[in-house]
Every structure is written in C-alpha cells, then in structure tokens.
Protein backbone atom coordinates (compact mmCIF):
# COMPACT_ATOMS: atom_id res chain seq x y z
CA MET A 1 45.25 41.75 -27.83
CA GLU A 2 48.97 40.06 -28.92
CA LYS A 3 48.88 36.70 -28.85
CA LYS A 4 52.46 34.58 -27.42
CA SER A 5 53.75 31.51 -29.14
CA GLN A 6 55.35 28.59 -27.15
CA GLU A 7 58.37 29.74 -26.62
CA GLY A 8 57.49 33.59 -25.42
CA ALA A 9 58.02 34.86 -28.25
CA PRO A 10 55.05 37.69 -29.64
CA GLU A 11 53.54 36.05 -33.28
CA GLY A 12 53.47 38.32 -35.73
CA ALA A 13 49.85 39.71 -38.08
CA GLU A 14 51.10 37.16 -40.33
CA GLY A 15 51.86 34.34 -37.22
CA SER A 16 55.77 34.40 -37.70
CA LYS A 17 57.44 33.33 -34.51
CA ARG A 18 61.13 33.84 -33.58
CA ARG A 19 63.51 31.02 -33.99
CA ARG A 20 64.69 30.08 -30.84
CA ARG A 21 68.09 29.32 -29.86
CA TYR A 22 68.57 26.20 -27.81
CA SER A 23 71.95 25.60 -25.22
CA ALA A 24 73.68 22.81 -25.52
CA GLU A 25 72.48 21.61 -21.73
CA GLU A 26 68.78 22.26 -23.24
CA LYS A 27 69.52 20.20 -26.27
CA LEU A 28 71.04 17.50 -23.95
CA ARG A 29 68.36 17.25 -21.52
CA LEU A 30 65.74 16.71 -24.63
CA VAL A 31 67.54 14.36 -26.83
CA ALA A 32 67.23 12.20 -23.42
CA GLU A 33 64.26 12.99 -22.98
CA CYS A 34 63.15 11.52 -26.33
CA GLU A 35 65.44 8.15 -25.21
CA ALA A 36 64.04 7.80 -21.90
CA PRO A 37 61.67 4.50 -21.91
CA GLY A 38 58.24 5.10 -22.44
CA SER A 39 58.90 8.34 -24.98
CA SER A 40 59.70 8.57 -28.09
CA VAL A 41 60.46 12.18 -30.81
CA SER A 42 57.24 12.67 -31.83
CA LEU A 43 56.09 13.00 -27.64
CA VAL A 44 58.91 15.18 -26.77
CA ALA A 45 58.19 17.41 -29.51
CA ARG A 46 54.93 18.19 -29.51
CA LYS A 47 55.44 18.14 -25.59
CA TYR A 48 57.48 21.32 -26.22
CA GLY A 49 56.63 22.93 -29.36
CA ILE A 50 59.32 21.81 -31.78
CA SER A 51 59.60 20.50 -35.03
CA SER A 52 60.67 16.29 -34.83
CA SER A 53 63.50 16.56 -37.31
CA LEU A 54 65.08 18.78 -34.97
CA LEU A 55 64.95 16.47 -32.04
CA PHE A 56 66.77 13.92 -35.10
CA ARG A 57 68.61 15.82 -36.34
CA TRP A 58 69.90 16.93 -32.40
CA ARG A 59 70.78 13.28 -31.47
CA GLN A 60 72.56 12.28 -34.41
CA LEU A 61 74.58 15.36 -33.44
CA LYS A 62 75.03 13.72 -30.02
CA GLU A 63 75.15 10.36 -31.34
CA SER A 64 78.51 11.60 -33.66
CA GLY A 65 79.98 13.13 -30.63
CA GLY A 66 79.18 16.99 -32.50
CA VAL A 67 77.59 18.20 -29.40
CA SER A 68 80.68 17.50 -27.08
CA GLY A 69 82.67 20.19 -28.94
CA LEU A 70 79.50 22.79 -28.43
CA GLN A 71 79.82 21.59 -24.34
CA ALA A 72 83.08 22.15 -24.22
CA GLY A 73 83.49 25.90 -25.39
CA GLU A 74 85.43 24.64 -29.20
CA ALA A 75 84.10 25.10 -32.47
CA VAL A 76 82.88 21.78 -34.40
CA VAL A 77 84.55 21.25 -37.74
CA PRO A 78 83.54 18.58 -39.69
CA GLU A 79 85.04 14.97 -40.21
CA SER A 80 86.01 15.13 -43.16
CA GLU A 81 88.08 18.55 -42.59
CA VAL A 82 89.64 17.00 -39.40
CA GLN A 83 90.56 13.83 -41.69
CA ALA A 84 92.37 16.18 -44.97
CA LEU A 85 94.26 18.40 -41.76
CA LYS A 86 95.77 14.76 -40.29
CA ALA A 87 96.48 13.78 -44.19
CA GLN A 88 98.52 17.30 -44.69
CA VAL A 89 100.65 17.00 -41.14
CA ARG A 90 101.70 13.27 -42.65
CA GLU A 91 102.75 14.23 -45.28
CA LEU A 92 104.57 17.76 -43.09
CA GLN A 93 106.33 15.64 -41.32
CA ARG A 94 107.35 12.95 -43.98
CA LEU A 95 109.18 15.71 -46.12
CA LEU A 96 110.00 16.91 -42.71
CA GLY A 97 111.63 14.04 -41.83
CA LYS A 98 113.16 13.11 -45.52
CA LYS A 99 114.24 17.17 -45.77
CA THR A 100 116.56 16.74 -41.90
CA GLN A 101 117.97 13.37 -43.43
CA GLU A 102 119.72 14.90 -46.59
CA ALA A 103 120.73 17.76 -44.43
CA GLU A 104 122.66 14.70 -42.21
CA ILE A 105 123.94 13.57 -44.92
CA LEU A 106 125.58 16.52 -46.77
CA ARG A 107 126.69 17.07 -42.80
CA ASP A 108 128.51 13.38 -43.04
CA ALA A 109 129.66 14.21 -46.45
CA VAL A 110 131.07 17.94 -45.49
CA GLU A 111 132.81 16.23 -42.06
CA LEU A 112 134.96 13.06 -43.76
CA ALA A 113 135.95 15.71 -46.95
CA ARG A 114 137.44 17.89 -44.37
CA GLU A 115 138.79 15.11 -42.71
CA LYS A 116 140.42 13.64 -46.22
CA LYS A 117 140.94 17.54 -46.76
CA LEU A 118 139.51 16.74 -50.78
CA LEU A 119 137.83 20.16 -50.64
CA SER A 120 139.61 23.24 -50.52
CA PRO A 121 139.23 26.17 -48.32
CA ALA A 122 137.17 28.46 -50.27
CA ALA A 123 134.84 25.07 -51.10
CA LEU A 124 134.41 24.97 -47.35
CA SER A 125 133.62 28.16 -46.24
CA LYS A 126 130.86 27.96 -49.05
CA LEU A 127 129.53 25.30 -47.87
CA GLY A 128 129.71 26.49 -43.97
CA GLY A 129 127.39 29.01 -44.33
CA ILE A 130 124.99 26.73 -45.98
CA LEU A 131 125.03 24.51 -43.21
C-alpha cells in the first residue's frame, strides 16, 4: 500500500516528498493564522506539516513588502537592485540636464553670432547642421 504525505503527494520507498507550491493567498492566510491571538508559528507549522522556518520567512517577506509583488502578479525585485536602478536614473537625468544646458548655451551663442554677423556664412551652415 502506498503511503501519502499530508500534502497528498505519494511518498517514495525512501520517504521523499514532492515539493509543495503555495500561492500568495495561502501564504498570507498561514502567516495571518500565525499572528492570531493564542497562536504561534510552531503551532501553525505543526498543524499543516510545514517547516516553521518557512513560515518565519513568509512573515519576514510580508513585513518587508515582498508579498505585495506576488499579490499584484509582478516580479519581486531585491531592494538593492531597485536602489541601484534609481541611482542610475538620477545620474542619467543629471547628465541629460547638463547636455541640455550646453545645447541651449551653444544655440544662444550661435544666435548672438548671427545677429552680430561674427560668423561667416560657411561656418553658420556647418553649425546649422549640428543644431
């Protein structure tokens, strides 16, 4: 007779179990049950036959906001990666602002030179292609 584990997965001859996948809703429900008055992580873990360290990890993810990405169907990205990308965006915005300012200064200088006719027509045609 084949023995079944609590999750309903058949156990092999050596007693190995298949890995169970939990949805975000199941994880939230189990973590909420751990936080209920008179309950604990150990009690819930024993009740459902799962590791208490797994429940502690889910609780940690919930507190850090990691589960919110799972609920929205979005990928969860490490906070360090988000911070690095934000820093890169700030740097690119700074460089874009600097280049925009340089282009405006050059445009003003060319306009001023046109007004005073300081530049030859050949030089103006070359700059016209750039600006």
